[in-house]
Amino acid sequence: MAMAAAIKERMASQPAMNNARPPTVQIRGQPVAQKSGCCSS
């Protein structure tokens, strides 16, 4: 959840840059990685 907050803050700070594509990959990769870690554990 902390990571999501940081991403949201970045989006508010730079919505244009976040809309580029790296933000999309990061946002999508973060939740997936967290789920994978939880599942792996």
N, C-alpha and C. Protein backbone atom coordinates (compact mmCIF):
# COMPACT_ATOMS: atom_id res chain seq x y z
N MET A 1 0.85 -1.20 0.00
CA MET A 1 0.00 0.00 0.00
C MET A 1 0.88 1.24 0.00
N ALA A 2 1.98 1.17 0.72
CA ALA A 2 2.90 2.33 0.79
C ALA A 2 3.41 2.64 -0.61
N MET A 3 3.74 1.60 -1.36
CA MET A 3 4.26 1.83 -2.73
C MET A 3 3.18 2.50 -3.58
N ALA A 4 1.96 2.04 -3.44
CA ALA A 4 0.85 2.61 -4.23
C ALA A 4 0.72 4.10 -3.92
N ALA A 5 0.85 4.45 -2.67
CA ALA A 5 0.74 5.87 -2.27
C ALA A 5 1.85 6.67 -2.95
N ALA A 6 3.04 6.13 -2.96
CA ALA A 6 4.17 6.84 -3.57
C ALA A 6 3.91 7.02 -5.06
N ILE A 7 3.38 6.02 -5.69
CA ILE A 7 3.09 6.11 -7.13
C ILE A 7 2.01 7.17 -7.36
N LYS A 8 1.01 7.17 -6.52
CA LYS A 8 -0.08 8.15 -6.68
C LYS A 8 0.47 9.56 -6.51
N GLU A 9 1.36 9.71 -5.55
CA GLU A 9 1.95 11.04 -5.31
C GLU A 9 2.74 11.47 -6.54
N ARG A 10 3.44 10.54 -7.13
CA ARG A 10 4.25 10.86 -8.32
C ARG A 10 3.32 11.24 -9.46
N MET A 11 2.23 10.52 -9.57
CA MET A 11 1.28 10.80 -10.66
C MET A 11 0.73 12.22 -10.51
N ALA A 12 0.42 12.61 -9.29
CA ALA A 12 -0.11 13.95 -9.04
C ALA A 12 0.96 15.00 -9.33
N SER A 13 2.20 14.64 -9.06
CA SER A 13 3.30 15.59 -9.28
C SER A 13 3.60 15.70 -10.77
N GLN A 14 3.58 14.57 -11.47
CA GLN A 14 3.88 14.57 -12.92
C GLN A 14 2.92 13.64 -13.65
N PRO A 15 1.69 14.07 -13.82
CA PRO A 15 0.67 13.24 -14.51
C PRO A 15 1.07 13.00 -15.96
N ALA A 16 1.68 13.99 -16.58
CA ALA A 16 2.09 13.86 -17.99
C ALA A 16 3.18 12.80 -18.10
N MET A 17 4.19 12.88 -17.29
CA MET A 17 5.30 11.91 -17.34
C MET A 17 4.79 10.53 -16.93
N ASN A 18 3.90 10.50 -15.98
CA ASN A 18 3.37 9.21 -15.52
C ASN A 18 2.51 8.58 -16.61
N ASN A 19 1.89 9.42 -17.41
CA ASN A 19 1.02 8.91 -18.48
C ASN A 19 1.86 8.43 -19.66
N ALA A 20 3.15 8.67 -19.60
CA ALA A 20 4.03 8.28 -20.71
C ALA A 20 3.95 6.76 -20.90
N ARG A 21 4.46 5.99 -19.95
CA ARG A 21 4.41 4.51 -20.03
C ARG A 21 5.20 3.86 -18.91
N PRO A 22 6.34 4.39 -18.51
CA PRO A 22 7.12 3.78 -17.41
C PRO A 22 6.27 3.66 -16.15
N PRO A 23 5.44 4.64 -15.87
CA PRO A 23 4.58 4.60 -14.67
C PRO A 23 3.60 3.44 -14.78
N THR A 24 3.07 3.26 -15.96
CA THR A 24 2.10 2.17 -16.16
C THR A 24 2.76 0.82 -15.86
N VAL A 25 3.95 0.65 -16.36
CA VAL A 25 4.66 -0.62 -16.14
C VAL A 25 4.98 -0.79 -14.66
N GLN A 26 5.41 0.29 -14.03
CA GLN A 26 5.76 0.20 -12.61
C GLN A 26 4.51 -0.11 -11.78
N ILE A 27 3.45 0.59 -12.04
CA ILE A 27 2.22 0.38 -11.26
C ILE A 27 1.74 -1.07 -11.45
N ARG A 28 1.84 -1.55 -12.66
CA ARG A 28 1.36 -2.90 -12.96
C ARG A 28 2.35 -3.92 -12.36
N GLY A 29 3.61 -3.63 -12.43
CA GLY A 29 4.62 -4.57 -11.93
C GLY A 29 4.61 -4.63 -10.41
N GLN A 30 4.37 -3.51 -9.78
CA GLN A 30 4.41 -3.50 -8.31
C GLN A 30 3.33 -4.42 -7.71
N PRO A 31 2.10 -4.24 -8.07
CA PRO A 31 1.03 -5.08 -7.50
C PRO A 31 1.26 -6.55 -7.83
N VAL A 32 1.71 -6.81 -9.02
CA VAL A 32 1.95 -8.21 -9.43
C VAL A 32 3.08 -8.81 -8.60
N ALA A 33 4.14 -8.04 -8.42
CA ALA A 33 5.29 -8.54 -7.65
C ALA A 33 4.85 -8.82 -6.21
N GLN A 34 4.04 -7.95 -5.66
CA GLN A 34 3.59 -8.15 -4.27
C GLN A 34 2.77 -9.44 -4.18
N LYS A 35 1.91 -9.65 -5.13
CA LYS A 35 1.06 -10.85 -5.11
C LYS A 35 1.94 -12.09 -5.28
N SER A 36 2.90 -12.00 -6.14
CA SER A 36 3.80 -13.14 -6.39
C SER A 36 4.55 -13.47 -5.10
N GLY A 37 5.04 -12.45 -4.42
CA GLY A 37 5.80 -12.67 -3.18
C GLY A 37 4.91 -13.31 -2.13
N CYS A 38 3.70 -12.83 -2.03
CA CYS A 38 2.78 -13.37 -1.03
C CYS A 38 2.48 -14.83 -1.36
N CYS A 39 2.24 -15.07 -2.61
CA CYS A 39 1.90 -16.44 -3.05
C CYS A 39 3.11 -17.35 -2.85
N SER A 40 4.27 -16.85 -3.19
CA SER A 40 5.50 -17.65 -3.08
C SER A 40 5.73 -18.01 -1.61
N SER A 41 5.45 -17.06 -0.74
CA SER A 41 5.66 -17.30 0.69
C SER A 41 4.63 -18.31 1.14
